[in-house]
Amino acid sequence: MKLLRVVLGAMLGAVGATVLAWSGLFLFGMIRGPGSLFDANPDAANRFFLLWLGMVLIAGIAGSVKASRR
């Protein structure tokens, strides 16, 4: 049961980070106007995906640690 709680905590953390990152990208696109940020600057896509991966890893670890302490 504890393993399920840890896995679920990691998944919830990763999903939360994903929602936060993609919502921010969507809002930035709405503010910026027509055209994709990734079309204008291909390096921005690499930075976004690296930041997203880092956020998912950190949030997943934090979620699993928090779930394991209950």
PDB file of N, CA and C in Angstrom:
ATOM      1  N   MET A   1       0.812  -1.185   0.000  1.00  0.00           N
ATOM      2  CA  MET A   1       0.000   0.000   0.000  1.00  0.00           C
ATOM      3  C   MET A   1       0.866   1.264   0.000  1.00  0.00           C
ATOM      4  N   LYS A   2       1.985   1.187   0.729  1.00  0.00           N
ATOM      5  CA  LYS A   2       2.862   2.355   0.790  1.00  0.00           C
ATOM      6  C   LYS A   2       3.500   2.620  -0.571  1.00  0.00           C
ATOM      7  N   LEU A   3       3.855   1.571  -1.300  1.00  0.00           N
ATOM      8  CA  LEU A   3       4.439   1.741  -2.631  1.00  0.00           C
ATOM      9  C   LEU A   3       3.436   2.399  -3.567  1.00  0.00           C
ATOM     10  N   LEU A   4       2.186   2.011  -3.492  1.00  0.00           N
ATOM     11  CA  LEU A   4       1.142   2.628  -4.312  1.00  0.00           C
ATOM     12  C   LEU A   4       0.999   4.111  -3.979  1.00  0.00           C
ATOM     13  N   ARG A   5       1.086   4.444  -2.704  1.00  0.00           N
ATOM     14  CA  ARG A   5       0.989   5.841  -2.279  1.00  0.00           C
ATOM     15  C   ARG A   5       2.167   6.653  -2.828  1.00  0.00           C
ATOM     16  N   VAL A   6       3.369   6.079  -2.808  1.00  0.00           N
ATOM     17  CA  VAL A   6       4.557   6.770  -3.316  1.00  0.00           C
ATOM     18  C   VAL A   6       4.458   6.971  -4.824  1.00  0.00           C
ATOM     19  N   VAL A   7       4.030   5.948  -5.540  1.00  0.00           N
ATOM     20  CA  VAL A   7       3.886   6.050  -6.994  1.00  0.00           C
ATOM     21  C   VAL A   7       2.808   7.067  -7.345  1.00  0.00           C
ATOM     22  N   LEU A   8       1.709   7.040  -6.643  1.00  0.00           N
ATOM     23  CA  LEU A   8       0.631   8.005  -6.887  1.00  0.00           C
ATOM     24  C   LEU A   8       1.080   9.432  -6.573  1.00  0.00           C
ATOM     25  N   GLY A   9       1.855   9.613  -5.516  1.00  0.00           N
ATOM     26  CA  GLY A   9       2.383  10.928  -5.189  1.00  0.00           C
ATOM     27  C   GLY A   9       3.319  11.445  -6.271  1.00  0.00           C
ATOM     28  N   ALA A  10       4.168  10.556  -6.801  1.00  0.00           N
ATOM     29  CA  ALA A  10       5.067  10.948  -7.885  1.00  0.00           C
ATOM     30  C   ALA A  10       4.283  11.310  -9.140  1.00  0.00           C
ATOM     31  N   MET A  11       3.256  10.538  -9.447  1.00  0.00           N
ATOM     32  CA  MET A  11       2.449  10.823 -10.633  1.00  0.00           C
ATOM     33  C   MET A  11       1.695  12.138 -10.492  1.00  0.00           C
ATOM     34  N   LEU A  12       1.143  12.397  -9.321  1.00  0.00           N
ATOM     35  CA  LEU A  12       0.424  13.651  -9.106  1.00  0.00           C
ATOM     36  C   LEU A  12       1.361  14.852  -9.190  1.00  0.00           C
ATOM     37  N   GLY A  13       2.567  14.696  -8.664  1.00  0.00           N
ATOM     38  CA  GLY A  13       3.548  15.773  -8.783  1.00  0.00           C
ATOM     39  C   GLY A  13       3.926  16.035 -10.227  1.00  0.00           C
ATOM     40  N   ALA A  14       4.142  14.975 -10.996  1.00  0.00           N
ATOM     41  CA  ALA A  14       4.507  15.118 -12.407  1.00  0.00           C
ATOM     42  C   ALA A  14       3.359  15.730 -13.216  1.00  0.00           C
ATOM     43  N   VAL A  15       2.154  15.313 -12.940  1.00  0.00           N
ATOM     44  CA  VAL A  15       0.995  15.874 -13.651  1.00  0.00           C
ATOM     45  C   VAL A  15       0.818  17.349 -13.294  1.00  0.00           C
ATOM     46  N   GLY A  16       1.009  17.685 -12.039  1.00  0.00           N
ATOM     47  CA  GLY A  16       0.904  19.084 -11.623  1.00  0.00           C
ATOM     48  C   GLY A  16       1.936  19.964 -12.309  1.00  0.00           C
ATOM     49  N   ALA A  17       3.169  19.478 -12.412  1.00  0.00           N
ATOM     50  CA  ALA A  17       4.216  20.240 -13.097  1.00  0.00           C
ATOM     51  C   ALA A  17       3.908  20.370 -14.583  1.00  0.00           C
ATOM     52  N   THR A  18       3.362  19.330 -15.183  1.00  0.00           N
ATOM     53  CA  THR A  18       3.009  19.369 -16.594  1.00  0.00           C
ATOM     54  C   THR A  18       1.907  20.380 -16.851  1.00  0.00           C
ATOM     55  N   VAL A  19       0.891  20.358 -16.020  1.00  0.00           N
ATOM     56  CA  VAL A  19      -0.208  21.314 -16.179  1.00  0.00           C
ATOM     57  C   VAL A  19       0.298  22.743 -16.014  1.00  0.00           C
ATOM     58  N   LEU A  20       1.161  22.966 -15.045  1.00  0.00           N
ATOM     59  CA  LEU A  20       1.712  24.301 -14.817  1.00  0.00           C
ATOM     60  C   LEU A  20       2.548  24.774 -16.006  1.00  0.00           C
ATOM     61  N   ALA A  21       3.425  23.918 -16.511  1.00  0.00           N
ATOM     62  CA  ALA A  21       4.304  24.306 -17.623  1.00  0.00           C
ATOM     63  C   ALA A  21       3.515  24.570 -18.901  1.00  0.00           C
ATOM     64  N   TRP A  22       2.604  23.680 -19.250  1.00  0.00           N
ATOM     65  CA  TRP A  22       1.870  23.844 -20.501  1.00  0.00           C
ATOM     66  C   TRP A  22       0.833  24.964 -20.404  1.00  0.00           C
ATOM     67  N   SER A  23       0.293  25.207 -19.218  1.00  0.00           N
ATOM     68  CA  SER A  23      -0.623  26.340 -19.055  1.00  0.00           C
ATOM     69  C   SER A  23       0.125  27.656 -19.224  1.00  0.00           C
ATOM     70  N   GLY A  24       1.319  27.719 -18.656  1.00  0.00           N
ATOM     71  CA  GLY A  24       2.143  28.916 -18.840  1.00  0.00           C
ATOM     72  C   GLY A  24       2.494  29.148 -20.291  1.00  0.00           C
ATOM     73  N   LEU A  25       2.825  28.084 -21.009  1.00  0.00           N
ATOM     74  CA  LEU A  25       3.142  28.212 -22.430  1.00  0.00           C
ATOM     75  C   LEU A  25       1.918  28.670 -23.215  1.00  0.00           C
ATOM     76  N   PHE A  26       0.752  28.142 -22.878  1.00  0.00           N
ATOM     77  CA  PHE A  26      -0.484  28.537 -23.547  1.00  0.00           C
ATOM     78  C   PHE A  26      -0.797  30.007 -23.296  1.00  0.00           C
ATOM     79  N   LEU A  27      -0.687  30.436 -22.039  1.00  0.00           N
ATOM     80  CA  LEU A  27      -0.962  31.834 -21.710  1.00  0.00           C
ATOM     81  C   LEU A  27       0.043  32.770 -22.375  1.00  0.00           C
ATOM     82  N   PHE A  28       1.300  32.365 -22.428  1.00  0.00           N
ATOM     83  CA  PHE A  28       2.306  33.171 -23.102  1.00  0.00           C
ATOM     84  C   PHE A  28       1.969  33.305 -24.579  1.00  0.00           C
ATOM     85  N   GLY A  29       1.474  32.235 -25.184  1.00  0.00           N
ATOM     86  CA  GLY A  29       1.074  32.277 -26.588  1.00  0.00           C
ATOM     87  C   GLY A  29      -0.123  33.179 -26.810  1.00  0.00           C
ATOM     88  N   MET A  30      -1.045  33.222 -25.854  1.00  0.00           N
ATOM     89  CA  MET A  30      -2.202  34.108 -25.991  1.00  0.00           C
ATOM     90  C   MET A  30      -1.790  35.572 -25.875  1.00  0.00           C
ATOM     91  N   ILE A  31      -0.860  35.851 -24.976  1.00  0.00           N
ATOM     92  CA  ILE A  31      -0.400  37.227 -24.792  1.00  0.00           C
ATOM     93  C   ILE A  31       0.441  37.675 -25.986  1.00  0.00           C
ATOM     94  N   ARG A  32       1.259  36.774 -26.489  1.00  0.00           N
ATOM     95  CA  ARG A  32       2.195  37.102 -27.558  1.00  0.00           C
ATOM     96  C   ARG A  32       1.506  37.351 -28.888  1.00  0.00           C
ATOM     97  N   GLY A  33       0.422  36.655 -29.133  1.00  0.00           N
ATOM     98  CA  GLY A  33      -0.293  36.833 -30.387  1.00  0.00           C
ATOM     99  C   GLY A  33      -0.047  35.677 -31.350  1.00  0.00           C
ATOM    100  N   PRO A  34      -0.337  35.900 -32.637  1.00  0.00           N
ATOM    101  CA  PRO A  34      -0.232  34.805 -33.603  1.00  0.00           C
ATOM    102  C   PRO A  34       1.213  34.347 -33.810  1.00  0.00           C
ATOM    103  N   GLY A  35       1.342  33.088 -34.166  1.00  0.00           N
ATOM    104  CA  GLY A  35       2.670  32.511 -34.382  1.00  0.00           C
ATOM    105  C   GLY A  35       3.140  31.786 -33.137  1.00  0.00           C
ATOM    106  N   SER A  36       3.879  30.751 -33.355  1.00  0.00           N
ATOM    107  CA  SER A  36       4.364  29.942 -32.249  1.00  0.00           C
ATOM    108  C   SER A  36       5.703  30.464 -31.753  1.00  0.00           C
ATOM    109  N   LEU A  37       5.910  30.385 -30.463  1.00  0.00           N
ATOM    110  CA  LEU A  37       7.196  30.738 -29.877  1.00  0.00           C
ATOM    111  C   LEU A  37       8.285  29.826 -30.422  1.00  0.00           C
ATOM    112  N   PHE A  38       7.937  28.573 -30.662  1.00  0.00           N
ATOM    113  CA  PHE A  38       8.916  27.614 -31.143  1.00  0.00           C
ATOM    114  C   PHE A  38       9.299  27.874 -32.594  1.00  0.00           C
ATOM    115  N   ASP A  39       8.390  28.446 -33.380  1.00  0.00           N
ATOM    116  CA  ASP A  39       8.722  28.812 -34.757  1.00  0.00           C
ATOM    117  C   ASP A  39       9.675  30.000 -34.793  1.00  0.00           C
ATOM    118  N   ALA A  40       9.450  30.951 -33.908  1.00  0.00           N
ATOM    119  CA  ALA A  40      10.265  32.166 -33.884  1.00  0.00           C
ATOM    120  C   ALA A  40      11.669  31.897 -33.361  1.00  0.00           C
ATOM    121  N   ASN A  41      11.786  30.993 -32.394  1.00  0.00           N
ATOM    122  CA  ASN A  41      13.075  30.729 -31.780  1.00  0.00           C
ATOM    123  C   ASN A  41      13.174  29.241 -31.440  1.00  0.00           C
ATOM    124  N   PRO A  42      13.831  28.445 -32.288  1.00  0.00           N
ATOM    125  CA  PRO A  42      13.931  27.005 -32.020  1.00  0.00           C
ATOM    126  C   PRO A  42      14.668  26.686 -30.718  1.00  0.00           C
ATOM    127  N   ASP A  43      15.565  27.553 -30.297  1.00  0.00           N
ATOM    128  CA  ASP A  43      16.275  27.335 -29.045  1.00  0.00           C
ATOM    129  C   ASP A  43      15.318  27.422 -27.852  1.00  0.00           C
ATOM    130  N   ALA A  44      14.257  28.208 -27.989  1.00  0.00           N
ATOM    131  CA  ALA A  44      13.265  28.328 -26.918  1.00  0.00           C
ATOM    132  C   ALA A  44      12.562  26.994 -26.680  1.00  0.00           C
ATOM    133  N   ALA A  45      12.362  26.229 -27.734  1.00  0.00           N
ATOM    134  CA  ALA A  45      11.727  24.914 -27.573  1.00  0.00           C
ATOM    135  C   ALA A  45      12.615  23.994 -26.740  1.00  0.00           C
ATOM    136  N   ASN A  46      13.902  23.986 -27.008  1.00  0.00           N
ATOM    137  CA  ASN A  46      14.820  23.152 -26.230  1.00  0.00           C
ATOM    138  C   ASN A  46      14.836  23.568 -24.769  1.00  0.00           C
ATOM    139  N   ARG A  47      14.856  24.856 -24.525  1.00  0.00           N
ATOM    140  CA  ARG A  47      14.856  25.349 -23.146  1.00  0.00           C
ATOM    141  C   ARG A  47      13.555  24.999 -22.432  1.00  0.00           C
ATOM    142  N   PHE A  48      12.432  25.143 -23.134  1.00  0.00           N
ATOM    143  CA  PHE A  48      11.146  24.831 -22.523  1.00  0.00           C
ATOM    144  C   PHE A  48      11.081  23.353 -22.148  1.00  0.00           C
ATOM    145  N   PHE A  49      11.480  22.470 -23.052  1.00  0.00           N
ATOM    146  CA  PHE A  49      11.375  21.045 -22.762  1.00  0.00           C
ATOM    147  C   PHE A  49      12.347  20.608 -21.672  1.00  0.00           C
ATOM    148  N   LEU A  50      13.523  21.222 -21.602  1.00  0.00           N
ATOM    149  CA  LEU A  50      14.443  20.915 -20.511  1.00  0.00           C
ATOM    150  C   LEU A  50      13.891  21.409 -19.175  1.00  0.00           C
ATOM    151  N   LEU A  51      13.317  22.600 -19.172  1.00  0.00           N
ATOM    152  CA  LEU A  51      12.701  23.129 -17.957  1.00  0.00           C
ATOM    153  C   LEU A  51      11.521  22.265 -17.530  1.00  0.00           C
ATOM    154  N   TRP A  52      10.726  21.845 -18.490  1.00  0.00           N
ATOM    155  CA  TRP A  52       9.567  20.992 -18.199  1.00  0.00           C
ATOM    156  C   TRP A  52      10.030  19.665 -17.596  1.00  0.00           C
ATOM    157  N   LEU A  53      11.049  19.055 -18.189  1.00  0.00           N
ATOM    158  CA  LEU A  53      11.568  17.791 -17.668  1.00  0.00           C
ATOM    159  C   LEU A  53      12.104  17.972 -16.252  1.00  0.00           C
ATOM    160  N   GLY A  54      12.820  19.063 -16.021  1.00  0.00           N
ATOM    161  CA  GLY A  54      13.330  19.329 -14.676  1.00  0.00           C
ATOM    162  C   GLY A  54      12.211  19.516 -13.668  1.00  0.00           C
ATOM    163  N   MET A  55      11.182  20.261 -14.064  1.00  0.00           N
ATOM    164  CA  MET A  55      10.035  20.468 -13.167  1.00  0.00           C
ATOM    165  C   MET A  55       9.322  19.155 -12.859  1.00  0.00           C
ATOM    166  N   VAL A  56       9.171  18.309 -13.865  1.00  0.00           N
ATOM    167  CA  VAL A  56       8.504  17.016 -13.659  1.00  0.00           C
ATOM    168  C   VAL A  56       9.320  16.143 -12.716  1.00  0.00           C
ATOM    169  N   LEU A  57      10.635  16.122 -12.899  1.00  0.00           N
ATOM    170  CA  LEU A  57      11.477  15.313 -12.019  1.00  0.00           C
ATOM    171  C   LEU A  57      11.417  15.812 -10.577  1.00  0.00           C
ATOM    172  N   ILE A  58      11.559  17.109 -10.394  1.00  0.00           N
ATOM    173  CA  ILE A  58      11.546  17.671  -9.039  1.00  0.00           C
ATOM    174  C   ILE A  58      10.186  17.481  -8.379  1.00  0.00           C
ATOM    175  N   ALA A  59       9.114  17.758  -9.110  1.00  0.00           N
ATOM    176  CA  ALA A  59       7.772  17.611  -8.546  1.00  0.00           C
ATOM    177  C   ALA A  59       7.444  16.144  -8.278  1.00  0.00           C
ATOM    178  N   GLY A  60       7.904  15.250  -9.142  1.00  0.00           N
ATOM    179  CA  GLY A  60       7.673  13.821  -8.910  1.00  0.00           C
ATOM    180  C   GLY A  60       8.391  13.321  -7.675  1.00  0.00           C
ATOM    181  N   ILE A  61       9.631  13.743  -7.505  1.00  0.00           N
ATOM    182  CA  ILE A  61      10.390  13.340  -6.315  1.00  0.00           C
ATOM    183  C   ILE A  61       9.755  13.937  -5.062  1.00  0.00           C
ATOM    184  N   ALA A  62       9.394  15.218  -5.135  1.00  0.00           N
ATOM    185  CA  ALA A  62       8.773  15.862  -3.969  1.00  0.00           C
ATOM    186  C   ALA A  62       7.441  15.222  -3.620  1.00  0.00           C
ATOM    187  N   GLY A  63       6.660  14.892  -4.632  1.00  0.00           N
ATOM    188  CA  GLY A  63       5.376  14.231  -4.375  1.00  0.00           C
ATOM    189  C   GLY A  63       5.528  12.864  -3.755  1.00  0.00           C
ATOM    190  N   SER A  64       6.518  12.114  -4.217  1.00  0.00           N
ATOM    191  CA  SER A  64       6.718  10.770  -3.642  1.00  0.00           C
ATOM    192  C   SER A  64       7.276  10.843  -2.226  1.00  0.00           C
ATOM    193  N   VAL A  65       8.164  11.799  -1.971  1.00  0.00           N
ATOM    194  CA  VAL A  65       8.682  11.949  -0.612  1.00  0.00           C
ATOM    195  C   VAL A  65       7.581  12.380   0.348  1.00  0.00           C
ATOM    196  N   LYS A  66       6.761  13.313  -0.089  1.00  0.00           N
ATOM    197  CA  LYS A  66       5.659  13.776   0.764  1.00  0.00           C
ATOM    198  C   LYS A  66       4.666  12.635   1.040  1.00  0.00           C
ATOM    199  N   ALA A  67       4.382  11.848   0.003  1.00  0.00           N
ATOM    200  CA  ALA A  67       3.432  10.732   0.185  1.00  0.00           C
ATOM    201  C   ALA A  67       4.015   9.640   1.066  1.00  0.00           C
ATOM    202  N   SER A  68       5.322   9.439   1.046  1.00  0.00           N
ATOM    203  CA  SER A  68       5.918   8.375   1.838  1.00  0.00           C
ATOM    204  C   SER A  68       6.008   8.737   3.316  1.00  0.00           C
ATOM    205  N   ARG A  69       5.912  10.013   3.645  1.00  0.00           N
ATOM    206  CA  ARG A  69       6.023  10.442   5.044  1.00  0.00           C
ATOM    207  C   ARG A  69       4.696  10.396   5.782  1.00  0.00           C
ATOM    208  N   ARG A  70       3.630  10.086   5.113  1.00  0.00           N
ATOM    209  CA  ARG A  70       2.326  10.008   5.796  1.00  0.00           C
ATOM    210  C   ARG A  70       2.112   8.670   6.409  1.00  0.00           C
TER     211      ARG A  70
END
